[in-house]
Amino acid sequence: MRGSIARLEKRVEKAKAAGHTEIATFLNHKLAHRKSLVPTLQQREKDLAKVATWCRTQTNAAS
């Protein structure tokens, strides 16, 4: 999947295998940054699920 961590990991491996160390280093930095976002995104997903649950329990005040 485009933009996924798994895809970026494969790109790093291909760059290393081809001997493109500068590209591999650049992609590794992108990979590290993307991996650092995972905990924040997981927490936001949990928070949004709670908000969605709360919204379903509210009456429609706009009517």
PDB file of N, CA and C in Angstrom:
ATOM      1  N   MET A   1       0.853  -1.172   0.000  1.00  0.00           N
ATOM      2  CA  MET A   1       0.000   0.000   0.000  1.00  0.00           C
ATOM      3  C   MET A   1       0.903   1.240   0.000  1.00  0.00           C
ATOM      4  N   ARG A   2       0.574   2.161  -0.856  1.00  0.00           N
ATOM      5  CA  ARG A   2       1.365   3.381  -0.962  1.00  0.00           C
ATOM      6  C   ARG A   2       1.313   4.164   0.348  1.00  0.00           C
ATOM      7  N   GLY A   3       2.468   4.590   0.835  1.00  0.00           N
ATOM      8  CA  GLY A   3       2.533   5.358   2.069  1.00  0.00           C
ATOM      9  C   GLY A   3       2.651   4.503   3.318  1.00  0.00           C
ATOM     10  N   SER A   4       2.641   3.190   3.165  1.00  0.00           N
ATOM     11  CA  SER A   4       2.700   2.327   4.341  1.00  0.00           C
ATOM     12  C   SER A   4       4.137   2.150   4.828  1.00  0.00           C
ATOM     13  N   ILE A   5       4.248   1.773   6.068  1.00  0.00           N
ATOM     14  CA  ILE A   5       5.560   1.506   6.657  1.00  0.00           C
ATOM     15  C   ILE A   5       6.195   0.303   5.971  1.00  0.00           C
ATOM     16  N   ALA A   6       5.393  -0.720   5.684  1.00  0.00           N
ATOM     17  CA  ALA A   6       5.922  -1.928   5.044  1.00  0.00           C
ATOM     18  C   ALA A   6       6.516  -1.607   3.674  1.00  0.00           C
ATOM     19  N   ARG A   7       5.845  -0.769   2.919  1.00  0.00           N
ATOM     20  CA  ARG A   7       6.344  -0.397   1.588  1.00  0.00           C
ATOM     21  C   ARG A   7       7.659   0.369   1.705  1.00  0.00           C
ATOM     22  N   LEU A   8       7.721   1.261   2.669  1.00  0.00           N
ATOM     23  CA  LEU A   8       8.946   2.042   2.862  1.00  0.00           C
ATOM     24  C   LEU A   8      10.091   1.141   3.312  1.00  0.00           C
ATOM     25  N   GLU A   9       9.798   0.152   4.145  1.00  0.00           N
ATOM     26  CA  GLU A   9      10.834  -0.800   4.567  1.00  0.00           C
ATOM     27  C   GLU A   9      11.389  -1.554   3.356  1.00  0.00           C
ATOM     28  N   LYS A  10      10.515  -1.945   2.429  1.00  0.00           N
ATOM     29  CA  LYS A  10      10.965  -2.640   1.220  1.00  0.00           C
ATOM     30  C   LYS A  10      11.836  -1.732   0.359  1.00  0.00           C
ATOM     31  N   ARG A  11      11.470  -0.464   0.282  1.00  0.00           N
ATOM     32  CA  ARG A  11      12.266   0.490  -0.498  1.00  0.00           C
ATOM     33  C   ARG A  11      13.658   0.651   0.103  1.00  0.00           C
ATOM     34  N   VAL A  12      13.738   0.663   1.436  1.00  0.00           N
ATOM     35  CA  VAL A  12      15.042   0.764   2.107  1.00  0.00           C
ATOM     36  C   VAL A  12      15.885  -0.453   1.756  1.00  0.00           C
ATOM     37  N   GLU A  13      15.291  -1.627   1.842  1.00  0.00           N
ATOM     38  CA  GLU A  13      16.022  -2.862   1.546  1.00  0.00           C
ATOM     39  C   GLU A  13      16.502  -2.889   0.094  1.00  0.00           C
ATOM     40  N   LYS A  14      15.644  -2.462  -0.837  1.00  0.00           N
ATOM     41  CA  LYS A  14      16.034  -2.436  -2.249  1.00  0.00           C
ATOM     42  C   LYS A  14      17.187  -1.459  -2.484  1.00  0.00           C
ATOM     43  N   ALA A  15      17.136  -0.314  -1.821  1.00  0.00           N
ATOM     44  CA  ALA A  15      18.210   0.675  -1.965  1.00  0.00           C
ATOM     45  C   ALA A  15      19.522   0.120  -1.410  1.00  0.00           C
ATOM     46  N   LYS A  16      19.432  -0.558  -0.273  1.00  0.00           N
ATOM     47  CA  LYS A  16      20.645  -1.160   0.309  1.00  0.00           C
ATOM     48  C   LYS A  16      21.204  -2.234  -0.623  1.00  0.00           C
ATOM     49  N   ALA A  17      20.326  -3.088  -1.147  1.00  0.00           N
ATOM     50  CA  ALA A  17      20.757  -4.175  -2.025  1.00  0.00           C
ATOM     51  C   ALA A  17      21.408  -3.639  -3.297  1.00  0.00           C
ATOM     52  N   ALA A  18      20.933  -2.500  -3.759  1.00  0.00           N
ATOM     53  CA  ALA A  18      21.481  -1.903  -4.973  1.00  0.00           C
ATOM     54  C   ALA A  18      22.736  -1.075  -4.690  1.00  0.00           C
ATOM     55  N   GLY A  19      23.093  -0.948  -3.420  1.00  0.00           N
ATOM     56  CA  GLY A  19      24.284  -0.192  -3.064  1.00  0.00           C
ATOM     57  C   GLY A  19      24.079   1.311  -3.035  1.00  0.00           C
ATOM     58  N   HIS A  20      22.842   1.738  -2.968  1.00  0.00           N
ATOM     59  CA  HIS A  20      22.527   3.175  -2.920  1.00  0.00           C
ATOM     60  C   HIS A  20      22.440   3.616  -1.460  1.00  0.00           C
ATOM     61  N   THR A  21      23.575   3.777  -0.834  1.00  0.00           N
ATOM     62  CA  THR A  21      23.605   4.047   0.602  1.00  0.00           C
ATOM     63  C   THR A  21      22.982   5.396   0.961  1.00  0.00           C
ATOM     64  N   GLU A  22      23.174   6.406   0.121  1.00  0.00           N
ATOM     65  CA  GLU A  22      22.603   7.717   0.427  1.00  0.00           C
ATOM     66  C   GLU A  22      21.074   7.671   0.393  1.00  0.00           C
ATOM     67  N   ILE A  23      20.547   6.972  -0.599  1.00  0.00           N
ATOM     68  CA  ILE A  23      19.094   6.836  -0.712  1.00  0.00           C
ATOM     69  C   ILE A  23      18.559   6.008   0.451  1.00  0.00           C
ATOM     70  N   ALA A  24      19.267   4.935   0.786  1.00  0.00           N
ATOM     71  CA  ALA A  24      18.850   4.090   1.907  1.00  0.00           C
ATOM     72  C   ALA A  24      18.828   4.890   3.207  1.00  0.00           C
ATOM     73  N   THR A  25      19.819   5.737   3.409  1.00  0.00           N
ATOM     74  CA  THR A  25      19.871   6.570   4.609  1.00  0.00           C
ATOM     75  C   THR A  25      18.703   7.543   4.640  1.00  0.00           C
ATOM     76  N   PHE A  26      18.448   8.188   3.517  1.00  0.00           N
ATOM     77  CA  PHE A  26      17.325   9.121   3.423  1.00  0.00           C
ATOM     78  C   PHE A  26      16.000   8.411   3.726  1.00  0.00           C
ATOM     79  N   LEU A  27      15.792   7.254   3.098  1.00  0.00           N
ATOM     80  CA  LEU A  27      14.556   6.508   3.310  1.00  0.00           C
ATOM     81  C   LEU A  27      14.453   5.988   4.745  1.00  0.00           C
ATOM     82  N   ASN A  28      15.590   5.635   5.335  1.00  0.00           N
ATOM     83  CA  ASN A  28      15.589   5.183   6.736  1.00  0.00           C
ATOM     84  C   ASN A  28      15.141   6.303   7.663  1.00  0.00           C
ATOM     85  N   HIS A  29      15.533   7.519   7.374  1.00  0.00           N
ATOM     86  CA  HIS A  29      15.102   8.659   8.190  1.00  0.00           C
ATOM     87  C   HIS A  29      13.590   8.863   8.047  1.00  0.00           C
ATOM     88  N   LYS A  30      13.089   8.740   6.822  1.00  0.00           N
ATOM     89  CA  LYS A  30      11.646   8.843   6.606  1.00  0.00           C
ATOM     90  C   LYS A  30      10.911   7.733   7.359  1.00  0.00           C
ATOM     91  N   LEU A  31      11.486   6.531   7.315  1.00  0.00           N
ATOM     92  CA  LEU A  31      10.892   5.385   7.991  1.00  0.00           C
ATOM     93  C   LEU A  31      10.845   5.596   9.502  1.00  0.00           C
ATOM     94  N   ALA A  32      11.925   6.089  10.067  1.00  0.00           N
ATOM     95  CA  ALA A  32      11.966   6.339  11.511  1.00  0.00           C
ATOM     96  C   ALA A  32      10.906   7.372  11.907  1.00  0.00           C
ATOM     97  N   HIS A  33      10.774   8.420  11.112  1.00  0.00           N
ATOM     98  CA  HIS A  33       9.770   9.441  11.407  1.00  0.00           C
ATOM     99  C   HIS A  33       8.360   8.854  11.321  1.00  0.00           C
ATOM    100  N   ARG A  34       8.108   8.088  10.275  1.00  0.00           N
ATOM    101  CA  ARG A  34       6.780   7.502  10.088  1.00  0.00           C
ATOM    102  C   ARG A  34       6.451   6.550  11.241  1.00  0.00           C
ATOM    103  N   LYS A  35       7.430   5.759  11.671  1.00  0.00           N
ATOM    104  CA  LYS A  35       7.214   4.835  12.793  1.00  0.00           C
ATOM    105  C   LYS A  35       6.955   5.602  14.087  1.00  0.00           C
ATOM    106  N   SER A  36       7.570   6.774  14.232  1.00  0.00           N
ATOM    107  CA  SER A  36       7.370   7.556  15.452  1.00  0.00           C
ATOM    108  C   SER A  36       5.947   8.101  15.546  1.00  0.00           C
ATOM    109  N   LEU A  37       5.247   8.185  14.427  1.00  0.00           N
ATOM    110  CA  LEU A  37       3.878   8.690  14.412  1.00  0.00           C
ATOM    111  C   LEU A  37       2.841   7.641  14.830  1.00  0.00           C
ATOM    112  N   VAL A  38       3.211   6.376  14.779  1.00  0.00           N
ATOM    113  CA  VAL A  38       2.263   5.290  15.035  1.00  0.00           C
ATOM    114  C   VAL A  38       1.562   5.410  16.393  1.00  0.00           C
ATOM    115  N   PRO A  39       2.275   5.593  17.515  1.00  0.00           N
ATOM    116  CA  PRO A  39       1.571   5.677  18.805  1.00  0.00           C
ATOM    117  C   PRO A  39       0.560   6.835  18.864  1.00  0.00           C
ATOM    118  N   THR A  40       0.921   7.965  18.308  1.00  0.00           N
ATOM    119  CA  THR A  40       0.003   9.114  18.298  1.00  0.00           C
ATOM    120  C   THR A  40      -1.234   8.796  17.481  1.00  0.00           C
ATOM    121  N   LEU A  41      -1.041   8.191  16.328  1.00  0.00           N
ATOM    122  CA  LEU A  41      -2.179   7.858  15.470  1.00  0.00           C
ATOM    123  C   LEU A  41      -3.081   6.804  16.113  1.00  0.00           C
ATOM    124  N   GLN A  42      -2.470   5.841  16.796  1.00  0.00           N
ATOM    125  CA  GLN A  42      -3.264   4.825  17.486  1.00  0.00           C
ATOM    126  C   GLN A  42      -4.096   5.459  18.602  1.00  0.00           C
ATOM    127  N   GLN A  43      -3.509   6.392  19.345  1.00  0.00           N
ATOM    128  CA  GLN A  43      -4.247   7.057  20.414  1.00  0.00           C
ATOM    129  C   GLN A  43      -5.380   7.886  19.838  1.00  0.00           C
ATOM    130  N   ARG A  44      -5.141   8.587  18.765  1.00  0.00           N
ATOM    131  CA  ARG A  44      -6.196   9.386  18.133  1.00  0.00           C
ATOM    132  C   ARG A  44      -7.326   8.512  17.624  1.00  0.00           C
ATOM    133  N   GLU A  45      -6.977   7.350  17.104  1.00  0.00           N
ATOM    134  CA  GLU A  45      -8.002   6.420  16.631  1.00  0.00           C
ATOM    135  C   GLU A  45      -8.902   5.979  17.791  1.00  0.00           C
ATOM    136  N   LYS A  46      -8.295   5.693  18.942  1.00  0.00           N
ATOM    137  CA  LYS A  46      -9.068   5.320  20.131  1.00  0.00           C
ATOM    138  C   LYS A  46      -9.948   6.478  20.593  1.00  0.00           C
ATOM    139  N   ASP A  47      -9.372   7.675  20.602  1.00  0.00           N
ATOM    140  CA  ASP A  47     -10.138   8.852  21.024  1.00  0.00           C
ATOM    141  C   ASP A  47     -11.322   9.102  20.092  1.00  0.00           C
ATOM    142  N   LEU A  48     -11.104   8.972  18.803  1.00  0.00           N
ATOM    143  CA  LEU A  48     -12.192   9.181  17.840  1.00  0.00           C
ATOM    144  C   LEU A  48     -13.283   8.133  17.988  1.00  0.00           C
ATOM    145  N   ALA A  49     -12.905   6.904  18.316  1.00  0.00           N
ATOM    146  CA  ALA A  49     -13.898   5.861  18.546  1.00  0.00           C
ATOM    147  C   ALA A  49     -14.775   6.229  19.747  1.00  0.00           C
ATOM    148  N   LYS A  50     -14.158   6.788  20.788  1.00  0.00           N
ATOM    149  CA  LYS A  50     -14.923   7.216  21.963  1.00  0.00           C
ATOM    150  C   LYS A  50     -15.863   8.362  21.608  1.00  0.00           C
ATOM    151  N   VAL A  51     -15.399   9.291  20.797  1.00  0.00           N
ATOM    152  CA  VAL A  51     -16.240  10.416  20.376  1.00  0.00           C
ATOM    153  C   VAL A  51     -17.412   9.901  19.541  1.00  0.00           C
ATOM    154  N   ALA A  52     -17.137   8.969  18.648  1.00  0.00           N
ATOM    155  CA  ALA A  52     -18.204   8.406  17.811  1.00  0.00           C
ATOM    156  C   ALA A  52     -19.253   7.713  18.679  1.00  0.00           C
ATOM    157  N   THR A  53     -18.805   6.987  19.693  1.00  0.00           N
ATOM    158  CA  THR A  53     -19.737   6.325  20.609  1.00  0.00           C
ATOM    159  C   THR A  53     -20.575   7.361  21.342  1.00  0.00           C
ATOM    160  N   TRP A  54     -19.947   8.425  21.821  1.00  0.00           N
ATOM    161  CA  TRP A  54     -20.661   9.481  22.519  1.00  0.00           C
ATOM    162  C   TRP A  54     -21.692  10.136  21.595  1.00  0.00           C
ATOM    163  N   CYS A  55     -21.285  10.411  20.362  1.00  0.00           N
ATOM    164  CA  CYS A  55     -22.195  11.053  19.411  1.00  0.00           C
ATOM    165  C   CYS A  55     -23.431  10.197  19.145  1.00  0.00           C
ATOM    166  N   ARG A  56     -23.253   8.895  19.073  1.00  0.00           N
ATOM    167  CA  ARG A  56     -24.401   8.004  18.831  1.00  0.00           C
ATOM    168  C   ARG A  56     -25.395   8.011  19.993  1.00  0.00           C
ATOM    169  N   THR A  57     -24.921   8.365  21.189  1.00  0.00           N
ATOM    170  CA  THR A  57     -25.811   8.331  22.349  1.00  0.00           C
ATOM    171  C   THR A  57     -26.548   9.660  22.542  1.00  0.00           C
ATOM    172  N   GLN A  58     -26.187  10.682  21.800  1.00  0.00           N
ATOM    173  CA  GLN A  58     -26.810  11.997  21.958  1.00  0.00           C
ATOM    174  C   GLN A  58     -28.061  12.108  21.100  1.00  0.00           C
ATOM    175  N   THR A  59     -29.031  12.818  21.620  1.00  0.00           N
ATOM    176  CA  THR A  59     -30.231  13.073  20.817  1.00  0.00           C
ATOM    177  C   THR A  59     -29.930  14.155  19.803  1.00  0.00           C
ATOM    178  N   ASN A  60     -30.688  14.224  18.775  1.00  0.00           N
ATOM    179  CA  ASN A  60     -30.469  15.214  17.732  1.00  0.00           C
ATOM    180  C   ASN A  60     -31.011  16.546  18.205  1.00  0.00           C
ATOM    181  N   ALA A  61     -30.142  17.402  18.724  1.00  0.00           N
ATOM    182  CA  ALA A  61     -30.550  18.701  19.287  1.00  0.00           C
ATOM    183  C   ALA A  61     -30.881  19.715  18.199  1.00  0.00           C
ATOM    184  N   ALA A  62     -30.460  19.480  16.973  1.00  0.00           N
ATOM    185  CA  ALA A  62     -30.684  20.431  15.902  1.00  0.00           C
ATOM    186  C   ALA A  62     -32.118  20.390  15.374  1.00  0.00           C
ATOM    187  N   SER A  63     -32.855  19.351  15.648  1.00  0.00           N
ATOM    188  CA  SER A  63     -34.218  19.234  15.123  1.00  0.00           C
ATOM    189  C   SER A  63     -35.208  20.046  15.893  1.00  0.00           C
TER     190      SER A  63
END
